Amino acid sequence: MPDYSNLFVCLMGVGTVFVGLICIILLVSLMSFFCRKTEKKEAAAAPVAVPRVEIADKGALIAAVSAAIAEDMGEDISAIRITSIKKV
């Protein structure tokens, strides 16, 4: 079995680490390049106009929101009082 010097072993270890890190950097850069290309294609097809819909029966909307809040809080619906609703 050959006898390697301490300096040789240290340099081989550090060299291996740097080669591995350089490979990781190259792989991440390559993946980033491909992700940016596919993102531009998807973004070009994405914009769709959503029509604004007026709600005819606001009482039904308030009742549905009250029921959902009461269910989430675990309270009776009579314990919930909604004073106003604003679209965010």
N, C-alpha and C. Protein backbone atom coordinates (compact mmCIF):
# COMPACT_ATOMS: atom_id res chain seq x y z
N MET A 1 0.85 -1.17 0.00
CA MET A 1 0.00 0.00 0.00
C MET A 1 0.90 1.23 0.00
N PRO A 2 0.65 2.16 -0.96
CA PRO A 2 1.52 3.34 -1.03
C PRO A 2 1.28 4.26 0.16
N ASP A 3 2.32 4.98 0.53
CA ASP A 3 2.24 5.91 1.67
C ASP A 3 2.09 7.32 1.10
N TYR A 4 0.90 7.91 1.28
CA TYR A 4 0.64 9.25 0.77
C TYR A 4 0.99 10.28 1.83
N SER A 5 1.48 11.44 1.39
CA SER A 5 1.81 12.50 2.35
C SER A 5 0.53 13.20 2.80
N ASN A 6 0.64 13.83 3.92
CA ASN A 6 -0.53 14.54 4.47
C ASN A 6 -0.98 15.67 3.55
N LEU A 7 -0.04 16.35 2.93
CA LEU A 7 -0.37 17.45 2.03
C LEU A 7 -1.16 16.94 0.82
N PHE A 8 -0.75 15.81 0.26
CA PHE A 8 -1.45 15.23 -0.89
C PHE A 8 -2.89 14.86 -0.52
N VAL A 9 -3.08 14.24 0.61
CA VAL A 9 -4.42 13.84 1.05
C VAL A 9 -5.30 15.07 1.27
N CYS A 10 -4.73 16.10 1.87
CA CYS A 10 -5.49 17.33 2.13
C CYS A 10 -5.88 18.01 0.82
N LEU A 11 -4.94 18.11 -0.12
CA LEU A 11 -5.25 18.75 -1.40
C LEU A 11 -6.26 17.94 -2.20
N MET A 12 -6.18 16.64 -2.16
CA MET A 12 -7.17 15.81 -2.86
C MET A 12 -8.57 15.99 -2.26
N GLY A 13 -8.65 16.07 -0.95
CA GLY A 13 -9.95 16.28 -0.29
C GLY A 13 -10.55 17.63 -0.64
N VAL A 14 -9.74 18.69 -0.55
CA VAL A 14 -10.22 20.04 -0.87
C VAL A 14 -10.58 20.12 -2.36
N GLY A 15 -9.78 19.52 -3.22
CA GLY A 15 -10.07 19.52 -4.65
C GLY A 15 -11.36 18.81 -4.97
N THR A 16 -11.60 17.69 -4.32
CA THR A 16 -12.84 16.95 -4.53
C THR A 16 -14.06 17.78 -4.12
N VAL A 17 -13.95 18.47 -3.00
CA VAL A 17 -15.05 19.32 -2.53
C VAL A 17 -15.33 20.43 -3.53
N PHE A 18 -14.28 21.11 -4.02
CA PHE A 18 -14.49 22.19 -4.97
C PHE A 18 -15.06 21.70 -6.29
N VAL A 19 -14.62 20.57 -6.76
CA VAL A 19 -15.17 20.02 -7.99
C VAL A 19 -16.65 19.69 -7.79
N GLY A 20 -17.00 19.14 -6.64
CA GLY A 20 -18.41 18.85 -6.35
C GLY A 20 -19.26 20.10 -6.29
N LEU A 21 -18.72 21.15 -5.64
CA LEU A 21 -19.46 22.41 -5.55
C LEU A 21 -19.64 23.06 -6.91
N ILE A 22 -18.63 22.99 -7.74
CA ILE A 22 -18.74 23.55 -9.09
C ILE A 22 -19.80 22.79 -9.89
N CYS A 23 -19.86 21.48 -9.74
CA CYS A 23 -20.89 20.69 -10.42
C CYS A 23 -22.28 21.08 -9.94
N ILE A 24 -22.45 21.31 -8.65
CA ILE A 24 -23.75 21.72 -8.12
C ILE A 24 -24.14 23.08 -8.68
N ILE A 25 -23.20 24.03 -8.74
CA ILE A 25 -23.48 25.36 -9.28
C ILE A 25 -23.92 25.25 -10.74
N LEU A 26 -23.23 24.43 -11.52
CA LEU A 26 -23.59 24.27 -12.93
C LEU A 26 -24.98 23.66 -13.08
N LEU A 27 -25.31 22.67 -12.26
CA LEU A 27 -26.63 22.04 -12.34
C LEU A 27 -27.74 23.02 -11.97
N VAL A 28 -27.52 23.81 -10.92
CA VAL A 28 -28.54 24.78 -10.51
C VAL A 28 -28.72 25.85 -11.57
N SER A 29 -27.62 26.30 -12.17
CA SER A 29 -27.73 27.30 -13.25
C SER A 29 -28.47 26.74 -14.44
N LEU A 30 -28.21 25.52 -14.79
CA LEU A 30 -28.90 24.87 -15.91
C LEU A 30 -30.39 24.72 -15.63
N MET A 31 -30.75 24.30 -14.42
CA MET A 31 -32.16 24.17 -14.07
C MET A 31 -32.85 25.53 -14.07
N SER A 32 -32.17 26.56 -13.59
CA SER A 32 -32.74 27.90 -13.57
C SER A 32 -33.00 28.38 -15.00
N PHE A 33 -32.10 28.09 -15.90
CA PHE A 33 -32.27 28.48 -17.30
C PHE A 33 -33.52 27.83 -17.89
N PHE A 34 -33.70 26.54 -17.67
CA PHE A 34 -34.86 25.84 -18.21
C PHE A 34 -36.16 26.30 -17.55
N CYS A 35 -36.12 26.58 -16.26
CA CYS A 35 -37.33 27.06 -15.57
C CYS A 35 -37.75 28.43 -16.08
N ARG A 36 -36.79 29.31 -16.34
CA ARG A 36 -37.12 30.63 -16.87
C ARG A 36 -37.73 30.52 -18.26
N LYS A 37 -37.24 29.61 -19.08
CA LYS A 37 -37.79 29.43 -20.43
C LYS A 37 -39.24 28.95 -20.37
N THR A 38 -39.53 27.97 -19.52
CA THR A 38 -40.90 27.45 -19.43
C THR A 38 -41.82 28.45 -18.75
N GLU A 39 -41.29 29.25 -17.83
CA GLU A 39 -42.11 30.24 -17.13
C GLU A 39 -42.59 31.31 -18.10
N LYS A 40 -41.76 31.72 -19.04
CA LYS A 40 -42.16 32.74 -20.01
C LYS A 40 -43.26 32.21 -20.92
N LYS A 41 -43.19 30.96 -21.31
CA LYS A 41 -44.23 30.38 -22.16
C LYS A 41 -45.56 30.30 -21.42
N GLU A 42 -45.54 29.92 -20.15
CA GLU A 42 -46.77 29.82 -19.37
C GLU A 42 -47.34 31.19 -19.06
N ALA A 43 -46.48 32.17 -18.81
CA ALA A 43 -46.94 33.51 -18.48
C ALA A 43 -47.60 34.18 -19.69
N ALA A 44 -47.17 33.87 -20.88
CA ALA A 44 -47.74 34.47 -22.07
C ALA A 44 -49.17 33.99 -22.30
N ALA A 45 -49.49 32.78 -21.90
CA ALA A 45 -50.82 32.23 -22.13
C ALA A 45 -51.76 32.44 -20.94
N ALA A 46 -51.28 32.95 -19.83
CA ALA A 46 -52.04 33.01 -18.60
C ALA A 46 -53.08 34.13 -18.50
N PRO A 47 -52.84 35.36 -18.99
CA PRO A 47 -53.78 36.44 -18.69
C PRO A 47 -55.17 36.21 -19.30
N VAL A 48 -56.14 36.09 -18.43
CA VAL A 48 -57.53 35.91 -18.84
C VAL A 48 -58.37 36.92 -18.06
N ALA A 49 -59.18 37.68 -18.76
CA ALA A 49 -60.01 38.68 -18.10
C ALA A 49 -61.18 38.00 -17.41
N VAL A 50 -61.37 38.32 -16.13
CA VAL A 50 -62.47 37.76 -15.36
C VAL A 50 -63.57 38.82 -15.28
N PRO A 51 -64.76 38.52 -15.77
CA PRO A 51 -65.82 39.52 -15.74
C PRO A 51 -66.30 39.77 -14.31
N ARG A 52 -66.64 41.01 -14.04
CA ARG A 52 -67.14 41.36 -12.71
C ARG A 52 -68.64 41.05 -12.66
N VAL A 53 -69.03 40.33 -11.61
CA VAL A 53 -70.42 39.90 -11.48
C VAL A 53 -71.04 40.61 -10.28
N GLU A 54 -72.16 41.25 -10.51
CA GLU A 54 -72.89 41.88 -9.42
C GLU A 54 -73.78 40.84 -8.75
N ILE A 55 -73.84 40.87 -7.45
CA ILE A 55 -74.66 39.92 -6.70
C ILE A 55 -76.05 40.53 -6.50
N ALA A 56 -77.05 39.81 -6.97
CA ALA A 56 -78.42 40.31 -6.92
C ALA A 56 -78.97 40.27 -5.50
N ASP A 57 -78.71 39.17 -4.77
CA ASP A 57 -79.28 38.99 -3.44
C ASP A 57 -78.16 39.07 -2.41
N LYS A 58 -77.92 40.27 -1.89
CA LYS A 58 -76.85 40.45 -0.91
C LYS A 58 -77.18 39.81 0.43
N GLY A 59 -78.47 39.64 0.71
CA GLY A 59 -78.87 38.99 1.95
C GLY A 59 -78.42 37.53 1.98
N ALA A 60 -78.51 36.87 0.82
CA ALA A 60 -78.07 35.47 0.74
C ALA A 60 -76.56 35.38 0.89
N LEU A 61 -75.84 36.37 0.34
CA LEU A 61 -74.38 36.40 0.49
C LEU A 61 -74.00 36.57 1.96
N ILE A 62 -74.65 37.47 2.65
CA ILE A 62 -74.36 37.70 4.07
C ILE A 62 -74.70 36.46 4.89
N ALA A 63 -75.79 35.79 4.55
CA ALA A 63 -76.15 34.55 5.26
C ALA A 63 -75.12 33.46 5.04
N ALA A 64 -74.62 33.34 3.80
CA ALA A 64 -73.62 32.31 3.51
C ALA A 64 -72.30 32.61 4.22
N VAL A 65 -71.90 33.88 4.23
CA VAL A 65 -70.66 34.26 4.92
C VAL A 65 -70.82 34.05 6.42
N SER A 66 -71.96 34.42 6.98
CA SER A 66 -72.21 34.22 8.41
C SER A 66 -72.14 32.74 8.77
N ALA A 67 -72.74 31.89 7.94
CA ALA A 67 -72.72 30.46 8.21
C ALA A 67 -71.31 29.89 8.14
N ALA A 68 -70.53 30.35 7.17
CA ALA A 68 -69.15 29.87 7.06
C ALA A 68 -68.30 30.30 8.24
N ILE A 69 -68.46 31.55 8.67
CA ILE A 69 -67.69 32.04 9.83
C ILE A 69 -68.11 31.32 11.10
N ALA A 70 -69.41 31.12 11.28
CA ALA A 70 -69.90 30.42 12.47
C ALA A 70 -69.39 28.99 12.50
N GLU A 71 -69.37 28.33 11.36
CA GLU A 71 -68.88 26.95 11.29
C GLU A 71 -67.39 26.88 11.62
N ASP A 72 -66.64 27.85 11.10
CA ASP A 72 -65.20 27.86 11.35
C ASP A 72 -64.89 28.15 12.82
N MET A 73 -65.66 29.04 13.43
CA MET A 73 -65.42 29.39 14.83
C MET A 73 -66.03 28.39 15.79
N GLY A 74 -66.93 27.55 15.30
CA GLY A 74 -67.59 26.58 16.18
C GLY A 74 -68.66 27.22 17.04
N GLU A 75 -69.20 28.32 16.60
CA GLU A 75 -70.23 29.06 17.33
C GLU A 75 -71.59 28.83 16.68
N ASP A 76 -72.63 29.26 17.39
CA ASP A 76 -73.97 29.27 16.81
C ASP A 76 -74.07 30.48 15.89
N ILE A 77 -74.85 30.36 14.83
CA ILE A 77 -74.93 31.46 13.86
C ILE A 77 -75.56 32.71 14.47
N SER A 78 -76.34 32.55 15.52
CA SER A 78 -76.95 33.72 16.17
C SER A 78 -75.91 34.54 16.93
N ALA A 79 -74.74 33.95 17.19
CA ALA A 79 -73.68 34.68 17.90
C ALA A 79 -72.84 35.53 16.95
N ILE A 80 -73.06 35.41 15.65
CA ILE A 80 -72.29 36.15 14.65
C ILE A 80 -73.10 37.34 14.18
N ARG A 81 -72.46 38.52 14.17
CA ARG A 81 -73.11 39.73 13.66
C ARG A 81 -72.18 40.40 12.67
N ILE A 82 -72.58 40.45 11.42
CA ILE A 82 -71.79 41.08 10.37
C ILE A 82 -72.37 42.47 10.14
N THR A 83 -71.51 43.48 10.27
CA THR A 83 -71.98 44.86 10.10
C THR A 83 -71.77 45.38 8.69
N SER A 84 -70.70 44.93 8.02
CA SER A 84 -70.49 45.35 6.63
C SER A 84 -69.59 44.35 5.92
N ILE A 85 -69.69 44.32 4.60
CA ILE A 85 -68.86 43.45 3.77
C ILE A 85 -68.23 44.31 2.69
N LYS A 86 -66.89 44.24 2.59
CA LYS A 86 -66.16 44.99 1.56
C LYS A 86 -65.35 44.01 0.74
N LYS A 87 -65.37 44.21 -0.57
CA LYS A 87 -64.56 43.36 -1.45
C LYS A 87 -63.12 43.81 -1.35
N VAL A 88 -62.23 42.85 -1.14
CA VAL A 88 -60.80 43.19 -0.98
C VAL A 88 -60.07 42.86 -2.25
